[in-house]
Amino acid sequence: MRTLVVVRSLKMGGMERVAVNLADAFADAGHESHLVSFRKVAKPLCPLHPEVRQHHLPLRHLSRLSLVGVLLEFFARWVLNPMLKRAVFLGTGIMGGVVFRLWLWRFERQYGRVDRIVFRGQGTFEQVWTFRDSRARYVLENIVHVHGPSLSRWLFARCLYQNRHLVAVSEGVAETVRQGMELWRFSPASLEVIPNPCPVMDIRHAMLAPEPDIPAEPYIVNVARMVPAKDQALLLRAYARSGVTMPLVLVGDGCERSNLEALATELGVEGRVVFVGQRENPYPWMHHARLFVLSSRFEGMGIVLFEALACGTPVLSVDCPGGIRAILKGELESSIVVHSEEDLATGIQKAIEDHPPDIDEAWLDDFKSERVAARFLRSPGS
């Protein structure tokens, strides 16, 4: 089959990484795999499979070439957005959908008809929301925040979800979609739960790459963007409270980094907390760690948890809405603690004191790339 994975950009983020992983998974399964992104970034993620064909569609630039595109963006940005918030896509996505359809027509003239189109992340299909096609699957990477009746949310749901084949990355995400369906009165063409793929062998190859900056002594690690949703502030407070002297390494960057560095100083743990910034290959940092800790307020899937497990590293996570329980199930449920400073501190203490468990390969079976790729290629409900 011929597949096309569509993503907003290929920056170094979790959602972008799973888009690349899915394109690789299609190629590994013997399909003709294509990956297209809308934005260029300085250091893009690249597919590991040599047969994945990459494309760049400068969607925003092409949408602005016409007077209609410019007027629609202007109207959405200066008229709709002040009233509805985050409504710019209502204007830009009209011409974006037209541009994408024209690009797809040209693409198919060159390569042949596409059998499956997969849009990864709501931010991606917001930009082309007028594009509709029965071959398309729209992947929701994170929970839908359902706060109550809202005209703007009803409008967004009608534009983004109505009569589309939606894919949730976890049952937790799917449940929030169902809540939204009842509240905002929309009906998708289908709603399936398909987890993100975990390329176990690729991760295990990448985790052996040399990293001279990795501490020689045992350490605790967190790998995530430094944004409020990842709540590294909770992790720092719990770490300080735990009294554990093992270093805490934070891999990632973002708008909260300066605040987190100040908080580490305020808590008196700045000498034991190491900020290493964004890394192209985070897997050696996971592999050499004594413990991986997730402190997020919510997680659509929590791919870093099974990536850490694939690296052979024990994990600890706070309980949060989304998909962590799709990974931490069965005997791994003991790796979940209440989302509080006190419980996370106790969990860190206990995880460090206990002998680390052996990683059971069966824990990763549901996320194997070949299984996930096959599910995307089936008809809904089959």
Protein backbone atom coordinates (compact mmCIF):
# COMPACT_ATOMS: atom_id res chain seq x y z
CA MET A 1 0.00 0.00 0.00
CA ARG A 2 1.02 3.63 -0.44
CA THR A 3 0.92 5.68 2.76
CA LEU A 4 1.31 9.36 3.55
CA VAL A 5 1.99 10.67 7.06
CA VAL A 6 1.30 14.41 7.45
CA VAL A 7 2.75 16.50 10.29
CA ARG A 8 3.00 20.22 10.97
CA SER A 9 6.77 20.19 11.46
CA LEU A 10 9.64 17.84 12.27
CA LYS A 11 11.00 19.66 15.29
CA MET A 12 12.33 17.59 18.20
CA GLY A 13 9.13 16.80 20.07
CA GLY A 14 7.19 13.74 21.12
CA MET A 15 4.38 14.08 18.60
CA GLU A 16 6.82 14.70 15.76
CA ARG A 17 8.88 11.69 16.82
CA VAL A 18 5.88 9.35 16.65
CA ALA A 19 5.01 10.73 13.20
CA VAL A 20 8.48 9.71 12.03
CA ASN A 21 8.12 6.37 13.84
CA LEU A 22 4.84 5.66 12.01
CA ALA A 23 6.36 6.48 8.63
CA ASP A 24 9.23 4.13 9.48
CA ALA A 25 6.75 1.46 10.59
CA PHE A 26 4.91 1.58 7.26
CA ALA A 27 8.23 1.17 5.42
CA ASP A 28 9.31 -1.67 7.73
CA ALA A 29 6.06 -3.46 6.89
CA GLY A 30 6.89 -3.29 3.18
CA HIS A 31 4.61 -0.41 2.20
CA GLU A 32 5.57 2.63 0.14
CA SER A 33 5.92 5.27 2.86
CA HIS A 34 5.89 9.05 2.45
CA LEU A 35 6.22 11.78 5.10
CA VAL A 36 5.29 15.43 4.50
CA SER A 37 5.77 18.39 6.84
CA PHE A 38 4.49 21.96 6.56
CA ARG A 39 7.29 23.85 8.31
CA LYS A 40 11.07 23.80 7.99
CA VAL A 41 13.09 23.67 11.21
CA ALA A 42 16.80 24.06 11.88
CA LYS A 43 17.41 20.47 13.04
CA PRO A 44 14.56 18.31 11.78
CA LEU A 45 13.89 14.77 12.92
CA CYS A 46 14.59 12.33 10.13
CA PRO A 47 13.20 8.87 9.40
CA LEU A 48 15.52 6.01 10.25
CA HIS A 49 14.21 3.81 7.45
CA PRO A 50 16.07 4.64 4.21
CA GLU A 51 13.01 4.01 2.05
CA VAL A 52 10.81 6.65 3.68
CA ARG A 53 10.45 9.52 1.20
CA GLN A 54 10.34 12.98 2.75
CA HIS A 55 8.51 15.99 1.33
CA HIS A 56 8.10 19.61 2.36
CA LEU A 57 4.92 21.55 1.66
CA PRO A 58 5.28 25.27 2.56
CA LEU A 59 1.59 25.43 3.33
CA ARG A 60 1.46 28.86 4.95
CA HIS A 61 3.53 30.52 2.23
CA LEU A 62 1.45 29.01 -0.58
CA SER A 63 -1.82 29.85 1.17
CA ARG A 64 -0.77 33.51 1.35
CA LEU A 65 0.04 33.74 -2.37
CA SER A 66 -3.61 34.41 -3.20
CA LEU A 67 -5.50 37.52 -2.13
CA VAL A 68 -8.25 35.25 -0.73
CA GLY A 69 -5.76 33.50 1.55
CA VAL A 70 -4.40 36.78 2.90
CA LEU A 71 -7.89 38.20 3.52
CA LEU A 72 -9.07 35.04 5.29
CA GLU A 73 -6.03 35.01 7.56
CA PHE A 74 -6.42 38.72 8.32
CA PHE A 75 -10.12 38.28 9.16
CA ALA A 76 -9.46 35.28 11.41
CA ARG A 77 -6.52 36.87 13.21
CA TRP A 78 -8.01 40.31 13.86
CA VAL A 79 -11.76 39.64 14.00
CA LEU A 80 -12.45 36.01 14.99
CA ASN A 81 -9.49 35.40 17.29
CA PRO A 82 -10.27 38.22 19.77
CA MET A 83 -13.79 36.84 20.14
CA LEU A 84 -13.19 33.08 20.18
CA LYS A 85 -9.47 32.62 21.04
CA ARG A 86 -7.26 30.23 19.07
CA ALA A 87 -9.55 30.82 16.09
CA VAL A 88 -6.91 31.83 13.55
CA PHE A 89 -7.05 28.36 11.99
CA LEU A 90 -10.71 28.95 11.04
CA GLY A 91 -9.44 31.38 8.40
CA THR A 92 -6.05 29.95 7.48
CA GLY A 93 -7.34 26.37 7.28
CA ILE A 94 -9.79 27.22 4.49
CA MET A 95 -7.08 28.01 1.97
CA GLY A 96 -4.75 25.50 3.65
CA GLY A 97 -7.17 22.71 2.76
CA VAL A 98 -7.31 23.89 -0.84
CA VAL A 99 -3.51 24.05 -1.09
CA PHE A 100 -3.13 20.58 0.43
CA ARG A 101 -5.65 19.08 -1.98
CA LEU A 102 -3.83 20.61 -4.95
CA TRP A 103 -0.50 19.35 -3.60
CA LEU A 104 -1.98 15.85 -3.11
CA TRP A 105 -3.32 15.87 -6.68
CA ARG A 106 0.15 16.67 -7.99
CA PHE A 107 1.73 14.14 -5.61
CA GLU A 108 -0.57 11.36 -6.84
CA ARG A 109 0.14 12.17 -10.46
CA GLN A 110 3.81 11.47 -9.72
CA TYR A 111 3.59 8.54 -7.29
CA GLY A 112 0.13 7.06 -7.75
CA ARG A 113 -2.99 7.00 -5.61
CA VAL A 114 -2.45 7.05 -1.83
CA ASP A 115 -4.19 4.31 0.13
CA ARG A 116 -3.96 5.87 3.60
CA ILE A 117 -3.36 9.45 4.75
CA VAL A 118 -2.54 9.97 8.44
CA PHE A 119 -2.63 13.46 9.94
CA ARG A 120 -0.70 13.49 13.23
CA GLY A 121 -1.88 15.95 15.85
CA GLN A 122 -4.71 18.45 15.98
CA GLY A 123 -2.31 21.29 15.21
CA THR A 124 -1.67 19.62 11.86
CA PHE A 125 -5.23 19.16 10.66
CA GLU A 126 -6.28 22.56 11.97
CA GLN A 127 -4.19 23.97 9.13
CA VAL A 128 -6.07 21.99 6.46
CA TRP A 129 -9.46 21.53 8.13
CA THR A 130 -11.45 22.04 4.92
CA PHE A 131 -9.73 18.99 3.40
CA ARG A 132 -11.90 15.88 3.67
CA ASP A 133 -11.19 12.42 2.30
CA SER A 134 -12.37 8.96 3.35
CA ARG A 135 -8.77 7.71 3.21
CA ALA A 136 -7.68 10.15 5.92
CA ARG A 137 -7.22 9.31 9.59
CA TYR A 138 -6.89 12.17 12.08
CA VAL A 139 -4.79 11.28 15.11
CA LEU A 140 -5.51 13.02 18.41
CA GLU A 141 -2.27 12.95 20.36
CA ASN A 142 -3.62 14.52 23.54
CA ILE A 143 -6.74 14.70 25.65
CA VAL A 144 -9.62 16.94 24.63
CA HIS A 145 -10.19 19.45 27.42
CA VAL A 146 -13.92 19.32 28.17
CA HIS A 147 -14.92 22.15 30.52
CA GLY A 148 -18.57 22.68 29.68
CA PRO A 149 -20.85 24.00 26.91
CA SER A 150 -19.13 26.51 24.68
CA LEU A 151 -20.03 28.08 21.35
CA SER A 152 -16.38 28.23 20.31
CA ARG A 153 -15.73 24.59 21.24
CA TRP A 154 -18.90 23.54 19.38
CA LEU A 155 -17.68 25.39 16.31
CA PHE A 156 -14.17 23.95 16.55
CA ALA A 157 -15.54 20.42 16.99
CA ARG A 158 -17.77 20.78 13.94
CA CYS A 159 -14.82 21.95 11.84
CA LEU A 160 -12.22 19.50 13.14
CA TYR A 161 -14.03 16.31 14.20
CA GLN A 162 -17.42 16.08 12.48
CA ASN A 163 -17.71 13.11 10.05
CA ARG A 164 -13.97 12.39 10.21
CA HIS A 165 -12.23 9.11 10.98
CA LEU A 166 -10.63 9.97 14.33
CA VAL A 167 -7.86 7.98 15.99
CA ALA A 168 -7.09 8.42 19.69
CA VAL A 169 -3.66 7.33 20.91
CA SER A 170 -5.13 5.92 24.14
CA GLU A 171 -8.44 4.98 25.69
CA GLY A 172 -8.03 7.96 28.01
CA VAL A 173 -7.94 10.31 25.02
CA ALA A 174 -10.89 8.51 23.40
CA GLU A 175 -12.96 8.93 26.56
CA THR A 176 -12.46 12.70 26.49
CA VAL A 177 -13.54 12.71 22.82
CA ARG A 178 -16.74 10.85 23.78
CA GLN A 179 -17.40 13.43 26.48
CA GLY A 180 -16.94 16.16 23.89
CA MET A 181 -19.30 14.36 21.48
CA GLU A 182 -22.07 14.46 24.06
CA LEU A 183 -21.44 18.05 25.12
CA TRP A 184 -20.72 19.68 21.75
CA ARG A 185 -23.01 17.49 19.63
CA PHE A 186 -20.64 16.23 16.95
CA SER A 187 -20.39 12.78 15.38
CA PRO A 188 -17.14 11.47 13.88
CA ALA A 189 -17.30 8.96 11.06
CA SER A 190 -15.44 6.60 13.40
CA LEU A 191 -13.38 6.67 16.57
CA GLU A 192 -10.62 4.12 17.12
CA VAL A 193 -7.87 3.71 19.70
CA ILE A 194 -4.48 3.00 18.12
CA PRO A 195 -1.40 3.52 20.32
CA ASN A 196 1.75 5.23 19.17
CA PRO A 197 4.37 2.89 17.70
CA CYS A 198 7.50 2.06 19.67
CA PRO A 199 10.42 1.11 17.38
CA VAL A 200 12.12 -1.05 20.01
CA MET A 201 15.09 -2.19 17.96
CA ASP A 202 15.83 1.33 16.68
CA ILE A 203 15.68 2.70 20.23
CA ARG A 204 18.03 0.00 21.49
CA HIS A 205 20.47 0.79 18.73
CA ALA A 206 20.29 4.54 19.42
CA MET A 207 20.67 4.13 23.19
CA LEU A 208 24.18 2.70 22.71
CA ALA A 209 25.50 5.82 20.98
CA PRO A 210 28.32 7.53 22.91
CA GLU A 211 27.34 10.54 25.03
CA PRO A 212 30.37 12.00 26.85
CA ASP A 213 28.26 14.29 29.08
CA ILE A 214 26.32 11.50 30.79
CA PRO A 215 27.14 11.31 34.54
CA ALA A 216 29.33 8.40 35.61
CA GLU A 217 27.30 7.85 38.80
CA PRO A 218 23.66 6.62 38.93
CA TYR A 219 21.05 9.33 38.31
CA ILE A 220 17.32 9.95 37.91
CA VAL A 221 16.13 11.31 34.56
CA ASN A 222 13.19 13.18 33.07
CA VAL A 223 12.93 13.72 29.31
CA ALA A 224 10.31 16.27 28.25
CA ARG A 225 9.70 19.75 26.93
CA MET A 226 9.93 22.31 29.71
CA VAL A 227 6.37 23.60 29.55
CA PRO A 228 3.67 23.84 32.25
CA ALA A 229 1.92 20.65 31.09
CA LYS A 230 5.01 18.54 31.86
CA ASP A 231 5.12 19.95 35.43
CA GLN A 232 8.83 19.54 36.14
CA ALA A 233 8.21 22.01 38.98
CA LEU A 234 6.33 19.25 40.80
CA LEU A 235 9.22 16.88 40.11
CA LEU A 236 11.76 19.33 41.54
CA ARG A 237 9.71 19.88 44.70
CA ALA A 238 9.18 16.14 45.17
CA TYR A 239 12.87 15.43 44.52
CA ALA A 240 13.90 18.01 47.12
CA ARG A 241 11.39 16.60 49.58
CA SER A 242 12.52 13.00 49.02
CA GLY A 243 16.00 13.65 50.40
CA VAL A 244 17.47 11.44 47.65
CA THR A 245 21.05 12.49 46.90
CA MET A 246 21.26 10.76 43.52
CA PRO A 247 21.47 13.49 40.81
CA LEU A 248 18.37 14.46 38.86
CA VAL A 249 19.00 15.04 35.15
CA LEU A 250 16.47 17.04 33.13
CA VAL A 251 16.72 16.50 29.37
CA GLY A 252 14.79 19.05 27.32
CA ASP A 253 14.19 22.74 26.88
CA GLY A 254 11.32 25.18 26.72
CA CYS A 255 9.70 28.31 28.09
CA GLU A 256 9.81 27.08 31.70
CA ARG A 257 13.54 26.37 31.88
CA SER A 258 14.58 29.62 33.59
CA ASN A 259 11.76 29.24 36.13
CA LEU A 260 12.82 25.66 36.85
CA GLU A 261 16.46 26.66 37.32
CA ALA A 262 15.36 29.36 39.76
CA LEU A 263 13.15 26.86 41.60
CA ALA A 264 16.05 24.39 41.96
CA THR A 265 18.10 27.18 43.56
CA GLU A 266 15.21 28.14 45.82
CA LEU A 267 14.83 24.52 46.96
CA GLY A 268 18.56 24.20 47.62
CA VAL A 269 19.06 21.32 45.15
CA GLU A 270 20.79 23.24 42.34
CA GLY A 271 23.99 21.26 42.99
CA ARG A 272 22.20 17.98 42.36
CA VAL A 273 19.95 18.97 39.44
CA VAL A 274 21.53 18.92 35.99
CA PHE A 275 19.88 20.77 33.08
CA VAL A 276 21.37 19.32 29.90
CA GLY A 277 19.04 20.97 27.35
CA GLN A 278 17.51 19.47 24.22
CA ARG A 279 19.28 16.38 22.87
CA GLU A 280 18.91 14.93 19.39
CA ASN A 281 19.25 11.44 20.84
CA PRO A 282 17.73 11.19 24.35
CA TYR A 283 17.95 7.40 24.52
CA PRO A 284 21.47 7.09 25.99
CA TRP A 285 20.30 9.39 28.81
CA MET A 286 17.35 7.08 29.42
CA HIS A 287 19.42 3.91 29.13
CA HIS A 288 22.08 4.87 31.67
CA ALA A 289 19.61 6.22 34.24
CA ARG A 290 18.69 4.41 37.41
CA LEU A 291 15.09 5.64 37.18
CA PHE A 292 12.90 7.55 34.71
CA VAL A 293 10.26 9.84 36.27
CA LEU A 294 7.22 11.37 34.55
CA SER A 295 5.49 14.27 36.35
CA SER A 296 3.03 15.55 33.71
CA ARG A 297 -0.37 17.06 34.40
CA PHE A 298 -1.77 15.07 31.46
CA GLU A 299 -0.36 12.81 28.73
CA GLY A 300 -2.11 11.67 25.59
CA MET A 301 0.01 8.52 25.43
CA GLY A 302 3.18 9.06 27.43
CA ILE A 303 5.51 7.60 24.80
CA VAL A 304 8.56 8.38 26.92
CA LEU A 305 7.43 5.70 29.37
CA PHE A 306 7.67 2.84 26.90
CA GLU A 307 10.79 4.37 25.37
CA ALA A 308 12.41 4.24 28.82
CA LEU A 309 11.21 0.65 29.26
CA ALA A 310 12.64 -0.22 25.83
CA CYS A 311 15.95 1.21 27.10
CA GLY A 312 15.77 -1.17 30.08
CA THR A 313 15.13 1.59 32.62
CA PRO A 314 12.55 1.36 35.45
CA VAL A 315 9.87 4.04 35.36
CA LEU A 316 7.80 6.02 37.85
CA SER A 317 4.85 8.20 36.86
CA VAL A 318 2.27 10.37 38.54
CA ASP A 319 -1.32 9.45 37.78
CA CYS A 320 -2.75 11.85 35.23
CA PRO A 321 -5.48 12.02 32.57
CA GLY A 322 -4.65 10.40 29.25
CA GLY A 323 -2.86 7.21 28.35
CA ILE A 324 -0.21 6.31 30.92
CA ARG A 325 -2.33 3.40 32.18
CA ALA A 326 -2.28 1.88 28.69
CA ILE A 327 1.45 1.39 29.28
CA LEU A 328 1.68 0.98 33.05
CA LYS A 329 -0.79 -1.87 33.46
CA GLY A 330 -0.70 -5.18 35.29
CA GLU A 331 2.34 -5.39 37.51
CA LEU A 332 3.51 -2.00 36.22
CA GLU A 333 0.58 -0.31 38.01
CA SER A 334 2.84 -0.20 41.05
CA SER A 335 4.91 2.38 39.13
CA ILE A 336 2.05 4.92 39.36
CA VAL A 337 1.72 7.32 42.29
CA VAL A 338 -0.82 9.98 43.16
CA HIS A 339 -0.19 13.33 41.47
CA SER A 340 1.10 15.13 44.56
CA GLU A 341 4.43 16.34 45.87
CA GLU A 342 4.31 14.03 48.89
CA ASP A 343 3.37 10.87 46.99
CA LEU A 344 5.87 11.49 44.22
CA ALA A 345 8.62 12.08 46.80
CA THR A 346 7.73 8.79 48.51
CA GLY A 347 7.64 7.03 45.15
CA ILE A 348 11.12 8.29 44.25
CA GLN A 349 12.49 7.15 47.61
CA LYS A 350 10.98 3.68 47.26
CA ALA A 351 12.03 3.23 43.62
CA ILE A 352 15.64 4.12 44.44
CA GLU A 353 15.77 1.87 47.50
CA ASP A 354 14.17 -1.16 45.83
CA HIS A 355 16.04 -3.48 43.48
CA PRO A 356 15.05 -2.48 39.93
CA PRO A 357 12.77 -5.03 38.22
CA ASP A 358 13.70 -6.81 35.03
CA ILE A 359 11.93 -5.41 31.99
CA ASP A 360 9.39 -7.86 30.55
CA GLU A 361 9.38 -7.74 26.74
CA ALA A 362 5.65 -8.48 26.77
CA TRP A 363 5.05 -5.00 28.22
CA LEU A 364 6.02 -3.55 24.82
CA ASP A 365 4.02 -5.89 22.57
CA ASP A 366 1.00 -3.61 22.08
CA PHE A 367 3.25 -0.84 20.81
CA LYS A 368 5.36 -2.79 18.34
CA SER A 369 5.61 -0.91 15.06
CA GLU A 370 4.28 -3.70 12.85
CA ARG A 371 1.10 -4.04 14.90
CA VAL A 372 0.40 -0.32 14.94
CA ALA A 373 1.03 0.05 11.19
CA ALA A 374 -1.35 -2.82 10.40
CA ARG A 375 -4.13 -1.24 12.47
CA PHE A 376 -3.86 2.05 10.61
CA LEU A 377 -4.28 0.26 7.29
CA ARG A 378 -7.45 -1.61 8.28
CA SER A 379 -10.91 -0.21 7.64
CA PRO A 380 -12.57 1.32 10.73
CA GLY A 381 -14.22 -1.30 12.90
CA SER A 382 -12.54 -4.27 11.19
